[in-house]
Amino acid sequence: FWRSVSNLTVNVAGGSGCSADTEFWASSQ
């Protein structure tokens, strides 16, 4: 909970293996 991202651009890059080149926003309320 209680986190945010706003007002920007993400060109997804980086990470490795399963998490490579993916933006993860695994959150709830």
PDB file of all heavy atoms in Angstrom:
ATOM      1  N   PHE A   1       0.834  -1.191   0.000  1.00  0.00           N
ATOM      2  CA  PHE A   1       0.000   0.000   0.000  1.00  0.00           C
ATOM      3  C   PHE A   1       0.880   1.257   0.000  1.00  0.00           C
ATOM      4  O   PHE A   1       2.085   1.206   0.117  1.00  0.00           O
ATOM      5  CB  PHE A   1      -0.899   0.056   1.250  1.00  0.00           C
ATOM      6  CG  PHE A   1      -1.595  -1.222   1.609  1.00  0.00           C
ATOM      7  CD1 PHE A   1      -1.552  -1.712   2.919  1.00  0.00           C
ATOM      8  CD2 PHE A   1      -2.312  -1.935   0.670  1.00  0.00           C
ATOM      9  CE1 PHE A   1      -2.218  -2.872   3.274  1.00  0.00           C
ATOM     10  CE2 PHE A   1      -2.985  -3.097   1.012  1.00  0.00           C
ATOM     11  CZ  PHE A   1      -2.932  -3.584   2.320  1.00  0.00           C
ATOM     12  N   TRP A   2       0.232   2.435  -0.085  1.00  0.00           N
ATOM     13  CA  TRP A   2       0.804   3.755   0.230  1.00  0.00           C
ATOM     14  C   TRP A   2       2.128   4.012  -0.503  1.00  0.00           C
ATOM     15  O   TRP A   2       3.182   4.181   0.090  1.00  0.00           O
ATOM     16  CB  TRP A   2       0.966   3.907   1.748  1.00  0.00           C
ATOM     17  CG  TRP A   2      -0.301   3.604   2.474  1.00  0.00           C
ATOM     18  CD1 TRP A   2      -1.529   4.182   2.287  1.00  0.00           C
ATOM     19  CD2 TRP A   2      -0.487   2.596   3.478  1.00  0.00           C
ATOM     20  NE1 TRP A   2      -2.456   3.588   3.113  1.00  0.00           N
ATOM     21  CE2 TRP A   2      -1.860   2.612   3.862  1.00  0.00           C
ATOM     22  CE3 TRP A   2       0.367   1.681   4.094  1.00  0.00           C
ATOM     23  CZ2 TRP A   2      -2.368   1.759   4.821  1.00  0.00           C
ATOM     24  CZ3 TRP A   2      -0.152   0.835   5.047  1.00  0.00           C
ATOM     25  CH2 TRP A   2      -1.511   0.875   5.411  1.00  0.00           C
ATOM     26  N   ARG A   3       2.020   4.087  -1.828  1.00  0.00           N
ATOM     27  CA  ARG A   3       3.155   4.417  -2.703  1.00  0.00           C
ATOM     28  C   ARG A   3       2.570   4.893  -4.031  1.00  0.00           C
ATOM     29  O   ARG A   3       1.410   4.624  -4.352  1.00  0.00           O
ATOM     30  CB  ARG A   3       4.066   3.205  -2.907  1.00  0.00           C
ATOM     31  CG  ARG A   3       3.376   2.051  -3.636  1.00  0.00           C
ATOM     32  CD  ARG A   3       4.089   0.744  -3.419  1.00  0.00           C
ATOM     33  NE  ARG A   3       3.913   0.286  -2.051  1.00  0.00           N
ATOM     34  CZ  ARG A   3       4.673  -0.651  -1.467  1.00  0.00           C
ATOM     35  NH1 ARG A   3       5.658  -1.208  -2.128  1.00  0.00           N
ATOM     36  NH2 ARG A   3       4.446  -1.014  -0.221  1.00  0.00           N
ATOM     37  N   SER A   4       3.349   5.609  -4.835  1.00  0.00           N
ATOM     38  CA  SER A   4       2.799   6.138  -6.075  1.00  0.00           C
ATOM     39  C   SER A   4       3.906   6.490  -7.051  1.00  0.00           C
ATOM     40  O   SER A   4       5.059   6.719  -6.673  1.00  0.00           O
ATOM     41  CB  SER A   4       1.940   7.373  -5.802  1.00  0.00           C
ATOM     42  OG  SER A   4       2.732   8.434  -5.299  1.00  0.00           O
ATOM     43  N   VAL A   5       3.518   6.537  -8.341  1.00  0.00           N
ATOM     44  CA  VAL A   5       4.380   7.036  -9.405  1.00  0.00           C
ATOM     45  C   VAL A   5       3.525   7.947 -10.277  1.00  0.00           C
ATOM     46  O   VAL A   5       2.386   7.604 -10.620  1.00  0.00           O
ATOM     47  CB  VAL A   5       4.967   5.897 -10.258  1.00  0.00           C
ATOM     48  CG1 VAL A   5       5.847   6.460 -11.365  1.00  0.00           C
ATOM     49  CG2 VAL A   5       5.764   4.919  -9.399  1.00  0.00           C
ATOM     50  N   SER A   6       4.070   9.121 -10.658  1.00  0.00           N
ATOM     51  CA  SER A   6       3.273  10.058 -11.438  1.00  0.00           C
ATOM     52  C   SER A   6       4.150  10.973 -12.285  1.00  0.00           C
ATOM     53  O   SER A   6       5.310  11.231 -11.964  1.00  0.00           O
ATOM     54  CB  SER A   6       2.381  10.909 -10.520  1.00  0.00           C
ATOM     55  OG  SER A   6       3.161  11.698  -9.648  1.00  0.00           O
ATOM     56  N   ASN A   7       3.568  11.431 -13.404  1.00  0.00           N
ATOM     57  CA  ASN A   7       4.082  12.532 -14.206  1.00  0.00           C
ATOM     58  C   ASN A   7       5.476  12.281 -14.768  1.00  0.00           C
ATOM     59  O   ASN A   7       6.341  13.161 -14.725  1.00  0.00           O
ATOM     60  CB  ASN A   7       4.059  13.838 -13.401  1.00  0.00           C
ATOM     61  CG  ASN A   7       4.130  15.053 -14.304  1.00  0.00           C
ATOM     62  OD1 ASN A   7       3.579  15.055 -15.390  1.00  0.00           O
ATOM     63  ND2 ASN A   7       4.831  16.091 -13.853  1.00  0.00           N
ATOM     64  N   LEU A   8       5.691  11.113 -15.337  1.00  0.00           N
ATOM     65  CA  LEU A   8       6.957  10.831 -15.987  1.00  0.00           C
ATOM     66  C   LEU A   8       6.777   9.728 -17.025  1.00  0.00           C
ATOM     67  O   LEU A   8       5.729   9.082 -17.104  1.00  0.00           O
ATOM     68  CB  LEU A   8       8.036  10.462 -14.960  1.00  0.00           C
ATOM     69  CG  LEU A   8       7.735   9.413 -13.885  1.00  0.00           C
ATOM     70  CD1 LEU A   8       7.733   7.995 -14.427  1.00  0.00           C
ATOM     71  CD2 LEU A   8       8.731   9.518 -12.737  1.00  0.00           C
ATOM     72  N   THR A   9       7.807   9.545 -17.834  1.00  0.00           N
ATOM     73  CA  THR A   9       7.851   8.488 -18.844  1.00  0.00           C
ATOM     74  C   THR A   9       8.886   7.456 -18.448  1.00  0.00           C
ATOM     75  O   THR A   9       9.987   7.801 -18.005  1.00  0.00           O
ATOM     76  CB  THR A   9       8.208   9.080 -20.220  1.00  0.00           C
ATOM     77  OG1 THR A   9       7.133   9.914 -20.661  1.00  0.00           O
ATOM     78  CG2 THR A   9       8.438   7.987 -21.247  1.00  0.00           C
ATOM     79  N   VAL A  10       8.527   6.184 -18.601  1.00  0.00           N
ATOM     80  CA  VAL A  10       9.467   5.090 -18.379  1.00  0.00           C
ATOM     81  C   VAL A  10       9.619   4.314 -19.690  1.00  0.00           C
ATOM     82  O   VAL A  10       8.641   3.751 -20.201  1.00  0.00           O
ATOM     83  CB  VAL A  10       8.989   4.141 -17.263  1.00  0.00           C
ATOM     84  CG1 VAL A  10       9.974   2.979 -17.096  1.00  0.00           C
ATOM     85  CG2 VAL A  10       8.826   4.883 -15.941  1.00  0.00           C
ATOM     86  N   ASN A  11      10.821   4.334 -20.242  1.00  0.00           N
ATOM     87  CA  ASN A  11      11.162   3.425 -21.330  1.00  0.00           C
ATOM     88  C   ASN A  11      11.755   2.180 -20.687  1.00  0.00           C
ATOM     89  O   ASN A  11      12.881   2.215 -20.171  1.00  0.00           O
ATOM     90  CB  ASN A  11      12.172   4.073 -22.283  1.00  0.00           C
ATOM     91  CG  ASN A  11      11.577   5.234 -23.052  1.00  0.00           C
ATOM     92  OD1 ASN A  11      10.422   5.203 -23.458  1.00  0.00           O
ATOM     93  ND2 ASN A  11      12.373   6.283 -23.256  1.00  0.00           N
ATOM     94  N   VAL A  12      10.959   1.119 -20.676  1.00  0.00           N
ATOM     95  CA  VAL A  12      11.293  -0.036 -19.843  1.00  0.00           C
ATOM     96  C   VAL A  12      12.563  -0.710 -20.352  1.00  0.00           C
ATOM     97  O   VAL A  12      12.677  -1.062 -21.531  1.00  0.00           O
ATOM     98  CB  VAL A  12      10.127  -1.031 -19.818  1.00  0.00           C
ATOM     99  CG1 VAL A  12      10.475  -2.217 -18.928  1.00  0.00           C
ATOM    100  CG2 VAL A  12       8.859  -0.340 -19.299  1.00  0.00           C
ATOM    101  N   ALA A  13      13.514  -0.898 -19.448  1.00  0.00           N
ATOM    102  CA  ALA A  13      14.786  -1.544 -19.768  1.00  0.00           C
ATOM    103  C   ALA A  13      15.381  -2.069 -18.470  1.00  0.00           C
ATOM    104  O   ALA A  13      14.990  -1.668 -17.374  1.00  0.00           O
ATOM    105  CB  ALA A  13      15.746  -0.564 -20.439  1.00  0.00           C
ATOM    106  N   GLY A  14      16.336  -2.978 -18.607  1.00  0.00           N
ATOM    107  CA  GLY A  14      17.057  -3.471 -17.436  1.00  0.00           C
ATOM    108  C   GLY A  14      16.459  -4.727 -16.861  1.00  0.00           C
ATOM    109  O   GLY A  14      15.518  -5.308 -17.388  1.00  0.00           O
ATOM    110  N   GLY A  15      16.999  -5.132 -15.719  1.00  0.00           N
ATOM    111  CA  GLY A  15      16.604  -6.381 -15.109  1.00  0.00           C
ATOM    112  C   GLY A  15      17.266  -7.559 -15.802  1.00  0.00           C
ATOM    113  O   GLY A  15      17.981  -7.412 -16.793  1.00  0.00           O
ATOM    114  N   SER A  16      17.016  -8.749 -15.269  1.00  0.00           N
ATOM    115  CA  SER A  16      17.606  -9.948 -15.851  1.00  0.00           C
ATOM    116  C   SER A  16      16.697 -11.132 -15.593  1.00  0.00           C
ATOM    117  O   SER A  16      15.830 -11.099 -14.709  1.00  0.00           O
ATOM    118  CB  SER A  16      18.997 -10.214 -15.253  1.00  0.00           C
ATOM    119  OG  SER A  16      18.899 -10.427 -13.852  1.00  0.00           O
ATOM    120  N   GLY A  17      16.882 -12.161 -16.371  1.00  0.00           N
ATOM    121  CA  GLY A  17      16.087 -13.369 -16.186  1.00  0.00           C
ATOM    122  C   GLY A  17      14.607 -13.093 -16.331  1.00  0.00           C
ATOM    123  O   GLY A  17      14.164 -12.393 -17.241  1.00  0.00           O
ATOM    124  N   CYS A  18      13.838 -13.595 -15.399  1.00  0.00           N
ATOM    125  CA  CYS A  18      12.382 -13.461 -15.437  1.00  0.00           C
ATOM    126  C   CYS A  18      11.936 -12.009 -15.415  1.00  0.00           C
ATOM    127  O   CYS A  18      10.919 -11.643 -16.016  1.00  0.00           O
ATOM    128  CB  CYS A  18      11.788 -14.213 -14.247  1.00  0.00           C
ATOM    129  SG  CYS A  18       9.994 -14.115 -14.098  1.00  0.00           S
ATOM    130  N   SER A  19      12.678 -11.161 -14.737  1.00  0.00           N
ATOM    131  CA  SER A  19      12.262  -9.774 -14.576  1.00  0.00           C
ATOM    132  C   SER A  19      12.846  -8.834 -15.620  1.00  0.00           C
ATOM    133  O   SER A  19      12.679  -7.618 -15.513  1.00  0.00           O
ATOM    134  CB  SER A  19      12.636  -9.275 -13.179  1.00  0.00           C
ATOM    135  OG  SER A  19      14.039  -9.324 -12.999  1.00  0.00           O
ATOM    136  N   ALA A  20      13.485  -9.363 -16.648  1.00  0.00           N
ATOM    137  CA  ALA A  20      14.137  -8.514 -17.635  1.00  0.00           C
ATOM    138  C   ALA A  20      13.114  -7.719 -18.437  1.00  0.00           C
ATOM    139  O   ALA A  20      12.052  -8.220 -18.814  1.00  0.00           O
ATOM    140  CB  ALA A  20      14.989  -9.365 -18.576  1.00  0.00           C
ATOM    141  N   ASP A  21      13.431  -6.472 -18.668  1.00  0.00           N
ATOM    142  CA  ASP A  21      12.671  -5.602 -19.568  1.00  0.00           C
ATOM    143  C   ASP A  21      11.179  -5.561 -19.240  1.00  0.00           C
ATOM    144  O   ASP A  21      10.328  -5.559 -20.132  1.00  0.00           O
ATOM    145  CB  ASP A  21      12.873  -6.041 -21.031  1.00  0.00           C
ATOM    146  CG  ASP A  21      14.327  -5.921 -21.469  1.00  0.00           C
ATOM    147  OD1 ASP A  21      14.999  -4.950 -21.039  1.00  0.00           O
ATOM    148  OD2 ASP A  21      14.810  -6.792 -22.209  1.00  0.00           O
ATOM    149  N   THR A  22      10.872  -5.514 -17.961  1.00  0.00           N
ATOM    150  CA  THR A  22       9.469  -5.437 -17.522  1.00  0.00           C
ATOM    151  C   THR A  22       9.357  -4.484 -16.351  1.00  0.00           C
ATOM    152  O   THR A  22      10.155  -4.531 -15.408  1.00  0.00           O
ATOM    153  CB  THR A  22       8.933  -6.823 -17.110  1.00  0.00           C
ATOM    154  OG1 THR A  22       9.049  -7.723 -18.212  1.00  0.00           O
ATOM    155  CG2 THR A  22       7.470  -6.741 -16.690  1.00  0.00           C
ATOM    156  N   GLU A  23       8.370  -3.606 -16.437  1.00  0.00           N
ATOM    157  CA  GLU A  23       8.011  -2.739 -15.322  1.00  0.00           C
ATOM    158  C   GLU A  23       7.020  -3.497 -14.454  1.00  0.00           C
ATOM    159  O   GLU A  23       5.929  -3.883 -14.907  1.00  0.00           O
ATOM    160  CB  GLU A  23       7.365  -1.460 -15.845  1.00  0.00           C
ATOM    161  CG  GLU A  23       6.700  -0.606 -14.793  1.00  0.00           C
ATOM    162  CD  GLU A  23       7.627   0.442 -14.202  1.00  0.00           C
ATOM    163  OE1 GLU A  23       8.788   0.533 -14.641  1.00  0.00           O
ATOM    164  OE2 GLU A  23       7.176   1.170 -13.313  1.00  0.00           O
ATOM    165  N   PHE A  24       7.373  -3.757 -13.192  1.00  0.00           N
ATOM    166  CA  PHE A  24       6.494  -4.460 -12.260  1.00  0.00           C
ATOM    167  C   PHE A  24       5.876  -3.452 -11.289  1.00  0.00           C
ATOM    168  O   PHE A  24       6.593  -2.736 -10.601  1.00  0.00           O
ATOM    169  CB  PHE A  24       7.262  -5.521 -11.471  1.00  0.00           C
ATOM    170  CG  PHE A  24       7.619  -6.743 -12.274  1.00  0.00           C
ATOM    171  CD1 PHE A  24       8.845  -6.841 -12.926  1.00  0.00           C
ATOM    172  CD2 PHE A  24       6.723  -7.798 -12.386  1.00  0.00           C
ATOM    173  CE1 PHE A  24       9.170  -7.961 -13.662  1.00  0.00           C
ATOM    174  CE2 PHE A  24       7.042  -8.921 -13.121  1.00  0.00           C
ATOM    175  CZ  PHE A  24       8.272  -9.011 -13.773  1.00  0.00           C
ATOM    176  N   TRP A  25       4.551  -3.425 -11.254  1.00  0.00           N
ATOM    177  CA  TRP A  25       3.860  -2.607 -10.258  1.00  0.00           C
ATOM    178  C   TRP A  25       2.870  -3.523  -9.531  1.00  0.00           C
ATOM    179  O   TRP A  25       1.670  -3.470  -9.726  1.00  0.00           O
ATOM    180  CB  TRP A  25       3.173  -1.412 -10.903  1.00  0.00           C
ATOM    181  CG  TRP A  25       2.708  -0.398  -9.909  1.00  0.00           C
ATOM    182  CD1 TRP A  25       1.434  -0.104  -9.538  1.00  0.00           C
ATOM    183  CD2 TRP A  25       3.547   0.447  -9.095  1.00  0.00           C
ATOM    184  NE1 TRP A  25       1.412   0.869  -8.559  1.00  0.00           N
ATOM    185  CE2 TRP A  25       2.700   1.228  -8.272  1.00  0.00           C
ATOM    186  CE3 TRP A  25       4.937   0.613  -8.993  1.00  0.00           C
ATOM    187  CZ2 TRP A  25       3.209   2.168  -7.368  1.00  0.00           C
ATOM    188  CZ3 TRP A  25       5.423   1.537  -8.083  1.00  0.00           C
ATOM    189  CH2 TRP A  25       4.566   2.304  -7.286  1.00  0.00           C
ATOM    190  N   ALA A  26       3.449  -4.403  -8.697  1.00  0.00           N
ATOM    191  CA  ALA A  26       2.672  -5.401  -7.960  1.00  0.00           C
ATOM    192  C   ALA A  26       2.266  -4.793  -6.627  1.00  0.00           C
ATOM    193  O   ALA A  26       3.019  -4.827  -5.654  1.00  0.00           O
ATOM    194  CB  ALA A  26       3.493  -6.671  -7.745  1.00  0.00           C
ATOM    195  N   SER A  27       1.078  -4.217  -6.597  1.00  0.00           N
ATOM    196  CA  SER A  27       0.645  -3.487  -5.409  1.00  0.00           C
ATOM    197  C   SER A  27      -0.852  -3.680  -5.235  1.00  0.00           C
ATOM    198  O   SER A  27      -1.526  -4.306  -6.056  1.00  0.00           O
ATOM    199  CB  SER A  27       0.988  -1.997  -5.537  1.00  0.00           C
ATOM    200  OG  SER A  27       0.272  -1.417  -6.610  1.00  0.00           O
ATOM    201  N   SER A  28      -1.367  -3.089  -4.181  1.00  0.00           N
ATOM    202  CA  SER A  28      -2.789  -3.213  -3.873  1.00  0.00           C
ATOM    203  C   SER A  28      -3.384  -1.819  -3.713  1.00  0.00           C
ATOM    204  O   SER A  28      -3.065  -0.920  -4.491  1.00  0.00           O
ATOM    205  CB  SER A  28      -2.983  -4.107  -2.652  1.00  0.00           C
ATOM    206  OG  SER A  28      -2.624  -5.455  -2.984  1.00  0.00           O
ATOM    207  N   GLN A  29      -4.223  -1.596  -2.701  1.00  0.00           N
ATOM    208  CA  GLN A  29      -4.872  -0.291  -2.571  1.00  0.00           C
ATOM    209  C   GLN A  29      -3.854   0.811  -2.271  1.00  0.00           C
ATOM    210  O   GLN A  29      -2.742   0.550  -1.831  1.00  0.00           O
ATOM    211  CB  GLN A  29      -5.929  -0.340  -1.461  1.00  0.00           C
ATOM    212  CG  GLN A  29      -7.120  -1.224  -1.755  1.00  0.00           C
ATOM    213  CD  GLN A  29      -6.902  -2.662  -1.373  1.00  0.00           C
ATOM    214  OE1 GLN A  29      -5.798  -3.087  -1.011  1.00  0.00           O
ATOM    215  NE2 GLN A  29      -7.973  -3.456  -1.435  1.00  0.00           N
TER     216      GLN A  29
END
